[in-house]
Amino acid sequence: MSRILEQRKKVYKNKYVFDSEELFQKRQKQQIEIRRQSREQVLASRRNYQVAVFNNDLSNIDSNDNSISSRNSTNDKINTASISPIHLYGDISPIQQLGEIRSTNISPIPDLGEMSTCHHLSEIVEDINSNSVERQLISLTKIRKILSKERIPPIQQVIDCGIVPRFVQFLTSINMSLRHEAAWVITNIVTGISDQVQVVINAGALPVFMDLLNSSDRKLQDHALWALGNIAADFRELVLRTGNLGDSCLRIIDEISEPCSVLRTMAWTLSSICRGKISINEWPLIKPTLPAISRLINYKDDEILHNICWALSFLADGSTEQIDAIINLGVCPDLVNLMLHESYDVQTAALRCVRHIVAGNDLQTQVILDCGVLTVLKILLISNQASIRKDACFILSNITAGNIDQITHVIHVGLIPLVINLLTNSDFQTQREACWVIHNAIKKSCSQTELTICIIRQGCIQPLVNVLSYMDNDIIFVALQAIWIILQVGETLTIENNGENPYSLTIEGCGGMERINNFQFNENKDIRLIAYQVMDKFFSEENEERLINESYTNGKRLSSDNK
């Protein structure tokens, strides 16, 4: 009987399948693996750390060539080496959305004892420097595939071989396959850090890529545009001073009637060139690219439109001269229409661009108004997307910061009730922007009190008072400013309201007076000051009288109870 029980214990839930020593060793292995994976992640997160795994890649390079397009998430560069020829020039678009992270997996970091890359590197260098086109092509293909395999490609090790100038020479080879592979490799190398891009520039690649834009080979044009876009991320002015990018892009556009890979790459390259703050020296160099941008916005391709809208947005987020240049292109009607585009990415980029334009002067804002933007905003303010509603409010807040005619137009279109509804019932980010809309409209219209009264009568006081309960000093100050102006307008109505300010009564009834009174002790100096001013001018005497009346009433009630 005891033997049967012993046997059952051994098989119960595999309790004795492993002895204590085996379990200890298993835990140790798991901990080592966890630490190894953690180390890989830390190393991979360092942008300048180059993982060198030539051994396995060279042995499996012909059997595994399944790669896809990617854009580095740090500096928005595109790596083309990971795109198969079928994908690059087929129906599927090679350009991914801005900020996309490389999707290939991290290859295991080999043990130092297993790394024997020197032998393979020496073979590649020997083949690259040989006179045999066949050997050159095979080695170029190997390097291109190696660079495409790694999440963090071994760019620096390839550069250290001293063969980058040789790659540049291949760009002008009579062998088209050699030119394609060389362009592909260099395009991947310039996805690296600035020092690595500088090596390619020093090798003379920049003017060669500019010349390739005039090639009749669409693949070479595609690679050249890709490379120039990556180089421009670090050396924009140098790219623009080399050749005439704008004219080359226009010539390509003239030759292509339908959206294709070359035009999609061109759109991304132009957006890369327009990205970031544009200096006084750079602006005259960027202006020649604007005609190409205005031509590309006419293509019915989501990817092209997405990148072109971002290019225009980057430009509009600059000086008045830059905004005028965009307006003079005649693209504002297109941008307003794209605010309703079915693609969220295109719609967002168009909204951002229009947002920057209406942040300019009144004349620039009027151009957007003349394109019918208020009718579009009326639709966007009831969108199901919170981010769309927020951007729509942001645009409207810049419009209501304009002149009286522009504010009157906003009121007549019927946008104020929609904004007040968002101020009451939307998410916090949208409420912030909605509060700015009301604040700007009230502030700018106070010189014509009938406009301000029209806004107030649509029910903005209660939502503004509600904002005072938020834990955000910036938006509280904005709401207090709006309330201050409302109360000042209310003073003009005291004669027809039996000597009382109708808006002070409304604010007090909403619980606003108590909240404003408490803000006199706020840590923020500006909030304390405006709260004191509001209480001193509009609530001090009334508040004192109310307290006396309450005290008298309470006294009578207490006296009655004592009887």
Protein backbone atom coordinates (compact mmCIF):
# COMPACT_ATOMS: atom_id res chain seq x y z
CA MET A 1 0.00 0.00 0.00
CA SER A 2 2.81 2.38 0.92
CA ARG A 3 4.53 1.71 -2.40
CA ILE A 4 1.37 2.64 -4.31
CA LEU A 5 1.05 5.90 -2.37
CA GLU A 6 4.71 6.68 -3.06
CA GLN A 7 4.23 6.15 -6.79
CA ARG A 8 1.12 8.38 -6.82
CA LYS A 9 3.03 11.15 -5.05
CA LYS A 10 5.74 11.03 -7.69
CA VAL A 11 3.33 11.53 -10.58
CA TYR A 12 1.01 14.06 -8.84
CA LYS A 13 1.21 17.26 -10.94
CA ASN A 14 4.71 16.21 -12.02
CA LYS A 15 5.86 17.10 -8.56
CA TYR A 16 9.00 15.02 -8.70
CA VAL A 17 9.81 15.24 -12.39
CA PHE A 18 12.75 17.58 -11.57
CA ASP A 19 14.88 17.33 -8.51
CA SER A 20 15.98 20.44 -6.62
CA GLU A 21 19.31 20.71 -8.45
CA GLU A 22 17.65 20.59 -11.86
CA LEU A 23 15.15 23.25 -10.84
CA PHE A 24 17.95 25.47 -9.56
CA GLN A 25 19.87 25.16 -12.82
CA LYS A 26 16.72 25.91 -14.82
CA ARG A 27 16.10 29.10 -12.81
CA GLN A 28 19.73 30.13 -13.32
CA LYS A 29 19.43 29.69 -17.09
CA GLN A 30 16.22 31.73 -17.17
CA GLN A 31 17.82 34.56 -15.19
CA ILE A 32 20.84 34.59 -17.48
CA GLU A 33 18.57 34.73 -20.54
CA ILE A 34 16.56 37.60 -19.04
CA ARG A 35 19.74 39.55 -18.30
CA ARG A 36 21.05 38.87 -21.80
CA GLN A 37 17.83 40.14 -23.40
CA SER A 38 17.85 43.21 -21.17
CA ARG A 39 21.44 43.94 -22.19
CA GLU A 40 20.52 43.64 -25.87
CA GLN A 41 17.69 46.12 -25.45
CA VAL A 42 19.94 48.63 -23.70
CA LEU A 43 22.60 48.34 -26.38
CA ALA A 44 20.05 48.56 -29.17
CA SER A 45 18.65 51.76 -27.72
CA ARG A 46 21.96 53.53 -28.23
CA ARG A 47 21.85 55.10 -31.67
CA ASN A 48 25.60 54.97 -32.28
CA TYR A 49 26.05 51.36 -31.26
CA GLN A 50 26.59 49.22 -34.36
CA VAL A 51 25.85 45.53 -34.08
CA ALA A 52 28.22 43.55 -36.25
CA VAL A 53 26.95 40.14 -37.26
CA PHE A 54 28.51 39.32 -40.57
CA ASN A 55 29.07 35.60 -40.02
CA ASN A 56 25.50 34.39 -39.90
CA ASP A 57 24.25 36.97 -42.40
CA LEU A 58 26.81 36.01 -44.99
CA SER A 59 26.02 32.35 -44.65
CA ASN A 60 22.26 32.86 -44.90
CA ILE A 61 22.21 35.94 -47.07
CA ASP A 62 20.91 34.30 -50.22
CA SER A 63 18.21 32.29 -48.50
CA ASN A 64 16.75 35.09 -46.38
CA ASP A 65 16.05 38.32 -48.21
CA ASN A 66 12.63 39.18 -46.82
CA SER A 67 12.85 42.79 -45.68
CA ILE A 68 10.63 45.81 -45.67
CA SER A 69 10.89 49.56 -45.81
CA SER A 70 11.52 51.46 -42.61
CA ARG A 71 12.10 54.91 -41.20
CA ASN A 72 14.35 55.51 -38.23
CA SER A 73 12.27 56.88 -35.33
CA THR A 74 14.99 59.18 -34.05
CA ASN A 75 15.72 61.38 -37.03
CA ASP A 76 13.03 60.37 -39.54
CA LYS A 77 15.44 58.88 -42.05
CA ILE A 78 14.45 56.10 -44.42
CA ASN A 79 16.43 52.92 -44.84
CA THR A 80 15.96 51.55 -48.36
CA ALA A 81 18.25 48.58 -48.23
CA SER A 82 15.60 46.56 -46.51
CA ILE A 83 13.17 46.84 -49.42
CA SER A 84 13.05 44.05 -51.92
CA PRO A 85 13.03 45.15 -55.58
CA ILE A 86 9.51 43.80 -56.03
CA HIS A 87 8.23 45.83 -53.10
CA LEU A 88 10.12 48.97 -54.04
CA TYR A 89 8.86 49.18 -57.57
CA GLY A 90 5.61 47.28 -57.38
CA ASP A 91 2.15 48.50 -56.45
CA ILE A 92 2.85 48.65 -52.70
CA SER A 93 4.14 51.99 -51.49
CA PRO A 94 7.65 51.98 -49.97
CA ILE A 95 7.20 55.08 -47.86
CA GLN A 96 5.78 54.57 -44.40
CA GLN A 97 4.22 57.20 -42.14
CA LEU A 98 6.46 59.63 -40.30
CA GLY A 99 7.96 58.18 -37.17
CA GLU A 100 7.55 54.52 -38.11
CA ILE A 101 9.94 52.22 -36.27
CA ARG A 102 11.94 49.58 -38.09
CA SER A 103 9.98 46.35 -37.95
CA THR A 104 12.74 43.75 -38.29
CA ASN A 105 13.74 41.86 -35.18
CA ILE A 106 16.98 42.38 -33.31
CA SER A 107 19.44 39.68 -34.24
CA PRO A 108 21.13 37.92 -31.34
CA ILE A 109 24.42 39.51 -30.31
CA PRO A 110 27.03 36.80 -30.87
CA ASP A 111 29.60 35.81 -28.34
CA LEU A 112 32.94 37.48 -28.93
CA GLY A 113 34.56 34.12 -29.38
CA GLU A 114 32.22 33.32 -32.25
CA MET A 115 32.82 36.54 -34.18
CA SER A 116 35.16 36.15 -37.10
CA THR A 117 34.13 39.08 -39.25
CA CYS A 118 37.60 40.18 -40.22
CA HIS A 119 37.96 37.32 -42.66
CA HIS A 120 34.63 38.11 -44.33
CA LEU A 121 35.33 41.85 -44.39
CA SER A 122 38.69 41.32 -46.03
CA GLU A 123 37.05 39.15 -48.68
CA ILE A 124 34.39 41.80 -49.36
CA VAL A 125 36.97 44.60 -49.56
CA GLU A 126 39.07 42.51 -51.91
CA ASP A 127 36.08 41.84 -54.17
CA ILE A 128 34.93 45.46 -54.11
CA ASN A 129 38.39 46.66 -55.16
CA SER A 130 38.79 44.01 -57.83
CA ASN A 131 38.29 44.56 -61.55
CA SER A 132 35.68 41.83 -61.79
CA VAL A 133 32.18 43.26 -62.18
CA GLU A 134 30.71 39.95 -61.09
CA ARG A 135 32.70 39.89 -57.84
CA GLN A 136 31.91 43.56 -57.22
CA LEU A 137 28.19 42.99 -57.69
CA ILE A 138 28.13 39.94 -55.42
CA SER A 139 29.94 41.81 -52.63
CA LEU A 140 27.75 44.89 -53.01
CA THR A 141 24.67 42.70 -52.74
CA LYS A 142 26.07 41.08 -49.60
CA ILE A 143 26.71 44.45 -47.96
CA ARG A 144 23.29 45.74 -48.96
CA LYS A 145 21.59 42.70 -47.46
CA ILE A 146 23.72 42.88 -44.31
CA LEU A 147 22.69 46.49 -43.78
CA SER A 148 19.06 45.51 -44.32
CA LYS A 149 19.11 42.62 -41.85
CA GLU A 150 19.95 44.48 -38.69
CA ARG A 151 17.69 46.72 -36.68
CA ILE A 152 20.80 48.73 -35.96
CA PRO A 153 22.85 48.12 -39.11
CA PRO A 154 26.67 47.90 -38.85
CA ILE A 155 27.18 51.12 -40.77
CA GLN A 156 30.35 52.13 -38.97
CA GLN A 157 32.09 48.83 -39.67
CA VAL A 158 31.31 49.15 -43.36
CA ILE A 159 32.70 52.70 -43.30
CA ASP A 160 35.83 51.57 -41.45
CA CYS A 161 36.62 49.26 -44.36
CA GLY A 162 37.38 52.38 -46.39
CA ILE A 163 35.20 51.32 -49.34
CA VAL A 164 32.66 54.15 -49.34
CA PRO A 165 34.57 56.06 -52.08
CA ARG A 166 34.43 52.88 -54.12
CA PHE A 167 30.64 52.78 -53.71
CA VAL A 168 30.43 56.33 -55.01
CA GLN A 169 32.47 55.34 -58.06
CA PHE A 170 30.00 52.55 -58.79
CA LEU A 171 27.19 55.14 -59.02
CA THR A 172 28.55 56.15 -62.42
CA SER A 173 29.30 52.63 -63.64
CA ILE A 174 28.09 51.53 -67.07
CA ASN A 175 26.69 48.42 -65.37
CA MET A 176 23.19 49.35 -64.25
CA SER A 177 22.95 46.56 -61.67
CA LEU A 178 26.13 47.82 -60.06
CA ARG A 179 24.75 51.37 -59.99
CA HIS A 180 21.49 50.22 -58.40
CA GLU A 181 23.21 48.21 -55.68
CA ALA A 182 25.69 51.00 -54.92
CA ALA A 183 22.89 53.56 -54.67
CA TRP A 184 20.99 51.21 -52.40
CA VAL A 185 23.99 50.69 -50.09
CA ILE A 186 24.84 54.39 -49.86
CA THR A 187 21.21 55.28 -49.17
CA ASN A 188 21.37 53.00 -46.13
CA ILE A 189 24.68 54.35 -44.95
CA VAL A 190 23.29 57.90 -44.84
CA THR A 191 20.61 56.73 -42.38
CA GLY A 192 23.38 56.79 -39.81
CA ILE A 193 24.61 59.55 -37.54
CA SER A 194 25.97 62.85 -38.83
CA ASP A 195 29.61 61.69 -38.81
CA GLN A 196 28.71 58.70 -40.95
CA VAL A 197 26.75 60.88 -43.38
CA GLN A 198 29.76 63.19 -43.56
CA VAL A 199 31.91 60.31 -44.80
CA VAL A 200 29.54 59.83 -47.75
CA ILE A 201 29.58 63.56 -48.48
CA ASN A 202 33.37 63.65 -48.35
CA ALA A 203 33.44 60.81 -50.86
CA GLY A 204 31.65 63.06 -53.34
CA ALA A 205 28.27 61.35 -53.37
CA LEU A 206 26.12 64.49 -53.17
CA PRO A 207 26.68 65.89 -56.71
CA VAL A 208 26.45 62.37 -58.13
CA PHE A 209 23.01 61.85 -56.57
CA MET A 210 21.93 65.22 -57.93
CA ASP A 211 23.00 64.08 -61.40
CA LEU A 212 21.08 60.82 -60.97
CA LEU A 213 17.86 62.84 -60.65
CA ASN A 214 18.29 63.61 -64.35
CA SER A 215 18.61 59.93 -65.19
CA SER A 216 15.94 58.22 -67.25
CA ASP A 217 16.06 55.26 -64.85
CA ARG A 218 13.23 55.58 -62.31
CA LYS A 219 14.94 53.26 -59.84
CA LEU A 220 18.04 55.46 -59.74
CA GLN A 221 15.88 58.54 -59.36
CA ASP A 222 14.09 56.89 -56.47
CA HIS A 223 17.35 55.98 -54.73
CA ALA A 224 18.79 59.44 -55.35
CA LEU A 225 15.74 61.15 -53.82
CA TRP A 226 15.83 58.81 -50.87
CA ALA A 227 19.52 59.47 -50.24
CA LEU A 228 19.13 63.23 -50.58
CA GLY A 229 16.25 63.22 -48.12
CA ASN A 230 18.31 61.30 -45.58
CA ILE A 231 21.34 63.56 -46.06
CA ALA A 232 19.15 66.67 -45.74
CA ALA A 233 18.15 65.60 -42.24
CA ASP A 234 21.70 66.52 -41.15
CA PHE A 235 23.01 68.77 -43.93
CA ARG A 236 20.01 70.55 -45.44
CA GLU A 237 21.81 73.68 -46.61
CA LEU A 238 24.56 71.66 -48.24
CA VAL A 239 22.03 69.57 -50.16
CA LEU A 240 20.20 72.67 -51.36
CA ARG A 241 23.43 74.34 -52.49
CA THR A 242 24.40 71.27 -54.53
CA GLY A 243 22.58 71.31 -57.87
CA ASN A 244 19.02 72.49 -58.37
CA LEU A 245 16.69 70.15 -56.56
CA GLY A 246 13.56 72.14 -57.35
CA ASP A 247 14.05 72.10 -61.12
CA SER A 248 14.95 68.40 -61.09
CA CYS A 249 11.76 67.57 -59.17
CA LEU A 250 9.64 69.60 -61.59
CA ARG A 251 11.16 67.80 -64.55
CA ILE A 252 10.36 64.42 -63.01
CA ILE A 253 6.80 65.53 -62.23
CA ASP A 254 6.35 66.64 -65.84
CA GLU A 255 7.35 63.17 -67.02
CA ILE A 256 5.05 61.23 -64.65
CA SER A 257 1.29 61.55 -64.82
CA GLU A 258 0.23 59.00 -62.20
CA PRO A 259 1.33 58.55 -58.55
CA CYS A 260 4.25 56.17 -58.24
CA SER A 261 7.15 55.29 -55.97
CA VAL A 262 9.35 58.11 -57.31
CA LEU A 263 6.73 60.78 -56.56
CA ARG A 264 6.05 59.35 -53.11
CA THR A 265 9.76 59.39 -52.32
CA MET A 266 9.99 62.93 -53.68
CA ALA A 267 7.17 64.08 -51.40
CA TRP A 268 8.95 62.62 -48.38
CA THR A 269 12.28 64.17 -49.43
CA LEU A 270 10.71 67.61 -49.76
CA SER A 271 9.07 67.26 -46.35
CA SER A 272 12.45 66.27 -44.90
CA ILE A 273 14.04 69.36 -46.42
CA CYS A 274 11.33 71.64 -44.99
CA ARG A 275 11.48 70.10 -41.51
CA GLY A 276 12.85 72.15 -38.63
CA LYS A 277 13.58 75.82 -38.13
CA ILE A 278 14.60 77.48 -41.37
CA SER A 279 17.40 80.01 -41.09
CA ILE A 280 17.68 83.25 -43.05
CA ASN A 281 20.37 81.67 -45.23
CA GLU A 282 18.32 78.55 -45.94
CA TRP A 283 15.03 80.18 -46.92
CA PRO A 284 16.21 81.49 -50.33
CA LEU A 285 17.51 77.97 -51.05
CA ILE A 286 14.21 76.30 -50.11
CA LYS A 287 12.00 78.64 -52.15
CA PRO A 288 12.91 77.00 -55.52
CA THR A 289 11.38 73.72 -54.23
CA LEU A 290 7.96 75.33 -53.61
CA PRO A 291 6.64 74.92 -57.19
CA ALA A 292 7.24 71.17 -56.96
CA ILE A 293 5.39 71.07 -53.64
CA SER A 294 2.43 72.93 -55.15
CA ARG A 295 2.32 70.46 -58.05
CA LEU A 296 2.41 67.38 -55.82
CA ILE A 297 -0.60 68.48 -53.77
CA ASN A 298 -2.76 67.86 -56.85
CA TYR A 299 -2.10 64.09 -56.86
CA LYS A 300 -4.86 61.90 -55.42
CA ASP A 301 -2.49 59.77 -53.38
CA ASP A 302 -2.73 59.62 -49.59
CA GLU A 303 0.99 59.18 -49.08
CA ILE A 304 1.96 62.07 -51.32
CA LEU A 305 -0.68 64.34 -49.77
CA HIS A 306 0.36 63.38 -46.26
CA ASN A 307 4.01 64.33 -46.79
CA ILE A 308 3.26 67.45 -48.84
CA CYS A 309 0.86 68.75 -46.18
CA TRP A 310 3.57 68.23 -43.58
CA ALA A 311 6.09 70.03 -45.79
CA LEU A 312 3.73 73.01 -46.04
CA SER A 313 3.05 72.83 -42.30
CA PHE A 314 6.77 73.00 -41.52
CA LEU A 315 7.08 76.05 -43.77
CA ALA A 316 3.98 77.75 -42.33
CA ASP A 317 5.37 77.37 -38.83
CA GLY A 318 7.83 80.14 -39.55
CA SER A 319 8.05 83.76 -40.55
CA THR A 320 5.36 85.92 -42.14
CA GLU A 321 7.32 85.73 -45.38
CA GLN A 322 7.11 81.94 -45.36
CA ILE A 323 3.34 82.02 -44.81
CA ASP A 324 2.98 84.51 -47.66
CA ALA A 325 4.99 82.21 -49.90
CA ILE A 326 2.57 79.35 -49.19
CA ILE A 327 -0.43 81.58 -49.85
CA ASN A 328 1.09 82.74 -53.14
CA LEU A 329 1.37 79.11 -54.25
CA GLY A 330 -2.42 79.00 -54.37
CA VAL A 331 -2.64 75.85 -52.23
CA CYS A 332 -4.88 77.24 -49.47
CA PRO A 333 -8.15 76.01 -51.07
CA ASP A 334 -6.59 72.54 -51.37
CA LEU A 335 -5.49 72.59 -47.73
CA VAL A 336 -8.97 73.58 -46.53
CA ASN A 337 -10.53 70.79 -48.58
CA LEU A 338 -8.00 68.27 -47.25
CA MET A 339 -9.16 69.09 -43.71
CA LEU A 340 -12.09 66.80 -44.55
CA HIS A 341 -9.98 64.09 -46.22
CA GLU A 342 -10.98 60.51 -45.47
CA SER A 343 -7.42 59.65 -44.44
CA TYR A 344 -6.77 60.62 -40.84
CA ASP A 345 -3.07 61.20 -41.55
CA VAL A 346 -3.77 63.57 -44.44
CA GLN A 347 -6.50 65.32 -42.47
CA THR A 348 -4.25 65.86 -39.44
CA ALA A 349 -1.39 67.24 -41.53
CA ALA A 350 -3.74 69.63 -43.36
CA LEU A 351 -5.24 70.82 -40.07
CA ARG A 352 -1.78 71.50 -38.68
CA CYS A 353 -0.81 73.52 -41.74
CA VAL A 354 -3.99 75.63 -41.68
CA ARG A 355 -3.46 76.13 -37.96
CA HIS A 356 -0.07 77.70 -38.62
CA ILE A 357 -1.37 79.92 -41.42
CA VAL A 358 -4.20 81.42 -39.34
CA ALA A 359 -1.63 82.10 -36.62
CA GLY A 360 -0.28 84.79 -38.94
CA ASN A 361 -1.66 88.29 -39.45
CA ASP A 362 -5.27 89.19 -40.21
CA LEU A 363 -4.72 89.29 -43.96
CA GLN A 364 -3.28 85.78 -43.97
CA THR A 365 -6.15 84.57 -41.79
CA GLN A 366 -8.63 86.15 -44.18
CA VAL A 367 -7.24 84.11 -47.07
CA ILE A 368 -8.16 80.93 -45.21
CA LEU A 369 -11.58 82.35 -44.32
CA ASP A 370 -12.21 83.14 -47.98
CA CYS A 371 -11.58 79.45 -48.75
CA GLY A 372 -14.63 78.51 -46.66
CA VAL A 373 -12.80 77.19 -43.62
CA LEU A 374 -15.64 78.06 -41.20
CA THR A 375 -18.02 75.70 -42.98
CA VAL A 376 -15.41 72.96 -42.70
CA LEU A 377 -14.82 73.72 -39.02
CA LYS A 378 -18.54 73.42 -38.36
CA ILE A 379 -18.26 69.79 -39.45
CA LEU A 380 -15.00 69.11 -37.60
CA LEU A 381 -16.26 70.50 -34.29
CA ILE A 382 -18.69 67.57 -34.06
CA SER A 383 -16.14 64.97 -35.21
CA ASN A 384 -15.88 61.66 -33.39
CA GLN A 385 -12.10 62.13 -33.16
CA ALA A 386 -11.03 64.09 -30.08
CA SER A 387 -7.79 65.21 -31.72
CA ILE A 388 -9.71 66.56 -34.72
CA ARG A 389 -12.07 68.53 -32.48
CA LYS A 390 -9.10 69.91 -30.58
CA ASP A 391 -7.29 71.03 -33.75
CA ALA A 392 -10.51 72.57 -35.06
CA CYS A 393 -10.86 74.60 -31.86
CA PHE A 394 -7.22 75.62 -32.08
CA ILE A 395 -7.75 76.98 -35.60
CA LEU A 396 -10.93 78.76 -34.52
CA SER A 397 -9.15 80.34 -31.53
CA ASN A 398 -6.65 81.93 -33.92
CA ILE A 399 -9.50 83.18 -36.11
CA THR A 400 -11.35 84.71 -33.14
CA ALA A 401 -8.11 86.47 -32.24
CA GLY A 402 -8.49 88.41 -35.49
CA ASN A 403 -10.50 91.51 -36.31
CA ILE A 404 -14.15 92.37 -35.66
CA ASP A 405 -15.30 91.30 -39.11
CA GLN A 406 -13.74 87.88 -38.70
CA ILE A 407 -15.32 87.39 -35.27
CA THR A 408 -18.68 88.53 -36.65
CA HIS A 409 -18.34 85.93 -39.39
CA VAL A 410 -17.70 83.21 -36.80
CA ILE A 411 -20.81 84.24 -34.86
CA HIS A 412 -23.05 84.37 -37.92
CA VAL A 413 -21.96 80.91 -39.10
CA GLY A 414 -23.14 79.54 -35.75
CA LEU A 415 -19.89 78.14 -34.38
CA ILE A 416 -20.08 79.64 -30.88
CA PRO A 417 -22.78 77.21 -29.59
CA LEU A 418 -20.71 74.27 -30.86
CA VAL A 419 -17.65 75.57 -29.04
CA ILE A 420 -19.61 76.16 -25.83
CA ASN A 421 -20.87 72.58 -26.04
CA LEU A 422 -17.26 71.34 -26.33
CA LEU A 423 -16.26 73.56 -23.42
CA THR A 424 -18.90 71.75 -21.36
CA ASN A 425 -18.87 68.18 -22.62
CA SER A 426 -15.52 67.37 -24.22
CA ASP A 427 -12.14 66.06 -23.06
CA PHE A 428 -9.80 68.39 -21.19
CA GLN A 429 -7.45 69.12 -24.12
CA THR A 430 -10.37 70.15 -26.31
CA GLN A 431 -11.87 72.18 -23.47
CA ARG A 432 -8.62 74.12 -23.18
CA GLU A 433 -8.78 75.11 -26.84
CA ALA A 434 -12.52 75.84 -26.63
CA CYS A 435 -11.87 78.15 -23.69
CA TRP A 436 -9.34 80.05 -25.79
CA VAL A 437 -11.92 80.41 -28.56
CA ILE A 438 -14.43 82.05 -26.20
CA HIS A 439 -11.77 84.15 -24.49
CA ASN A 440 -10.42 85.53 -27.75
CA ALA A 441 -13.89 86.19 -29.17
CA ILE A 442 -14.96 88.09 -26.04
CA LYS A 443 -11.70 90.00 -25.74
CA LYS A 444 -11.55 91.09 -29.37
CA SER A 445 -15.27 91.98 -29.59
CA CYS A 446 -15.53 94.00 -26.38
CA SER A 447 -15.16 97.24 -28.33
CA GLN A 448 -18.54 96.40 -29.85
CA THR A 449 -20.56 95.28 -26.87
CA GLU A 450 -23.44 93.96 -28.96
CA LEU A 451 -21.15 91.23 -30.30
CA THR A 452 -19.92 90.33 -26.83
CA ILE A 453 -23.48 90.26 -25.52
CA CYS A 454 -24.43 87.96 -28.42
CA ILE A 455 -21.67 85.54 -27.38
CA ILE A 456 -22.65 85.70 -23.70
CA ARG A 457 -26.31 85.06 -24.44
CA GLN A 458 -25.39 81.79 -26.11
CA GLY A 459 -24.50 80.41 -22.67
CA CYS A 460 -20.77 80.77 -22.11
CA ILE A 461 -20.81 81.96 -18.45
CA GLN A 462 -21.59 78.63 -16.77
CA PRO A 463 -18.92 76.68 -18.74
CA LEU A 464 -16.33 79.39 -17.96
CA VAL A 465 -17.15 79.16 -14.26
CA ASN A 466 -16.80 75.39 -14.45
CA VAL A 467 -13.30 75.80 -15.87
CA LEU A 468 -12.31 77.55 -12.63
CA SER A 469 -12.43 74.17 -10.87
CA TYR A 470 -9.69 72.69 -13.06
CA MET A 471 -6.18 72.11 -11.76
CA ASP A 472 -4.50 74.08 -14.52
CA ASN A 473 -3.40 77.64 -13.79
CA ASP A 474 -2.99 78.60 -17.44
CA ILE A 475 -6.57 77.82 -18.40
CA ILE A 476 -7.90 79.23 -15.11
CA PHE A 477 -6.24 82.55 -15.92
CA VAL A 478 -7.75 82.54 -19.42
CA ALA A 479 -11.22 81.88 -17.99
CA LEU A 480 -10.77 84.62 -15.37
CA GLN A 481 -9.82 87.11 -18.06
CA ALA A 482 -12.96 86.23 -20.03
CA ILE A 483 -15.10 86.59 -16.89
CA TRP A 484 -13.48 89.96 -16.13
CA ILE A 485 -14.45 91.26 -19.60
CA ILE A 486 -17.96 89.82 -19.30
CA LEU A 487 -18.46 91.66 -16.01
CA GLN A 488 -17.20 94.90 -17.55
CA VAL A 489 -19.71 94.54 -20.38
CA GLY A 490 -22.37 93.83 -17.76
CA GLU A 491 -21.71 97.24 -16.21
CA THR A 492 -23.08 98.83 -19.39
CA LEU A 493 -26.39 97.05 -18.79
CA THR A 494 -26.99 98.18 -15.20
CA ILE A 495 -29.34 101.02 -16.17
CA GLU A 496 -31.77 98.70 -17.92
CA ASN A 497 -31.39 96.10 -15.19
CA ASN A 498 -32.47 98.13 -12.13
CA GLY A 499 -28.92 99.23 -11.36
CA GLU A 500 -27.55 95.69 -11.11
CA ASN A 501 -24.92 93.96 -13.21
CA PRO A 502 -26.85 91.01 -14.71
CA TYR A 503 -23.71 88.98 -15.32
CA SER A 504 -22.40 89.34 -11.77
CA LEU A 505 -25.68 87.86 -10.56
CA THR A 506 -25.34 84.99 -13.05
CA ILE A 507 -21.74 84.30 -12.03
CA GLU A 508 -22.67 84.39 -8.35
CA GLY A 509 -25.56 82.03 -8.99
CA CYS A 510 -23.18 79.58 -10.70
CA GLY A 511 -20.90 79.53 -7.67
CA GLY A 512 -18.32 81.60 -9.49
CA MET A 513 -17.96 84.32 -6.85
CA GLU A 514 -16.83 81.85 -4.20
CA ARG A 515 -14.28 80.27 -6.52
CA ILE A 516 -12.93 83.64 -7.64
CA ASN A 517 -12.68 84.75 -4.01
CA ASN A 518 -10.58 81.68 -3.21
CA PHE A 519 -8.21 82.49 -6.06
CA GLN A 520 -7.08 85.58 -4.14
CA PHE A 521 -4.90 83.14 -2.19
CA ASN A 522 -3.64 81.21 -5.23
CA GLU A 523 0.09 80.59 -5.55
CA ASN A 524 0.05 82.12 -9.04
CA LYS A 525 0.62 85.88 -8.92
CA ASP A 526 -1.38 86.67 -12.09
CA ILE A 527 -4.36 84.65 -10.88
CA ARG A 528 -4.25 86.34 -7.46
CA LEU A 529 -4.19 89.78 -9.05
CA ILE A 530 -7.09 89.30 -11.46
CA ALA A 531 -9.15 87.50 -8.79
CA TYR A 532 -8.62 90.45 -6.44
CA GLN A 533 -9.61 92.92 -9.17
CA VAL A 534 -12.80 91.00 -9.97
CA MET A 535 -13.82 90.72 -6.32
CA ASP A 536 -12.93 94.33 -5.53
CA LYS A 537 -14.79 95.86 -8.45
CA PHE A 538 -17.81 93.62 -8.93
CA PHE A 539 -18.50 91.68 -5.74
CA SER A 540 -17.18 93.55 -2.71
CA GLU A 541 -20.20 95.74 -1.86
CA GLU A 542 -22.78 93.20 -2.95
CA ASN A 543 -20.98 90.48 -1.02
CA GLU A 544 -20.91 92.60 2.14
CA GLU A 545 -24.60 93.44 1.85
CA ARG A 546 -25.46 89.81 1.30
CA LEU A 547 -23.51 88.77 4.41
CA ILE A 548 -25.31 91.40 6.52
CA ASN A 549 -28.71 90.28 5.29
CA GLU A 550 -27.89 86.66 5.96
CA SER A 551 -26.70 87.51 9.46
CA TYR A 552 -29.89 89.47 10.19
CA THR A 553 -32.06 86.67 8.85
CA ASN A 554 -30.24 84.08 10.87
CA GLY A 555 -30.56 86.25 13.98
CA LYS A 556 -34.36 86.51 13.60
CA ARG A 557 -34.58 82.77 13.06
CA LEU A 558 -32.53 82.08 16.16
CA SER A 559 -34.59 84.54 18.22
CA SER A 560 -37.78 82.82 17.07
CA ASP A 561 -36.41 79.46 18.11
CA ASN A 562 -35.55 80.73 21.59
CA LYS A 563 -39.15 81.70 22.22
